């Protein structure tokens, strides 16, 4: 099917032609974690129908934002991953997250939560430290890791490719504050509200070890 268009000679309109449909940018958020199976994407996008997810993924392939490929044996499954153009949407998601943080005043009873949804707000603050590396994070909902200056930019679970430069333990109260921009990461660490361990430059930039957690 041809792509719907605003038919306006404007860069913002052209961008919205490609990513303005419902679910597209949230699929990008998930694929910033690297190649994902369709079933994994569906599990981490609560509320999307199977037909809608399939349609959006096809749209993203058509528009050069994502590709589908088969992993080699023994996995032999199909995965979706972002193209270079798709990965260039990271700053867009950073800006949207910063703008939308004010809407996170409190969790609604209907709100779904995934641990790795905190990855992008954390990444934005970690990048400001100017030190590349990997940070493992544990929150009440689970564990994930964030790559500063690397790709993919985050992933579920502990960092399995080596030793993380820093490890954070974030309690529920501080987690919510960081997500909505009410607490700075460095200030929360140095105030004893986030526990940090590790010997890497990122751990040192965050302010060293702390053991108190809300």
Foldseek 3Di string as FASTA:
>chain_A
DDQDFPPDPDPVRVVCSQQVDPPRVVLLVVQLQPWDALVVSPVVDPPDDSVRSVVSLVSCVVVQQKDWDADDPPVRGITIHGDPVNVVCLVVVLVVQLVCLQVPPDDDPPDDDAPCVLQSLVQVLLLVLVDFWKEWEAEPRAIKMATHPDGSGIHGDDDPPDDGQKYKYAYPVVSSCSSSVNDRQLVCVVVLAMAMAHDHPSCVSSPHGHDHHD
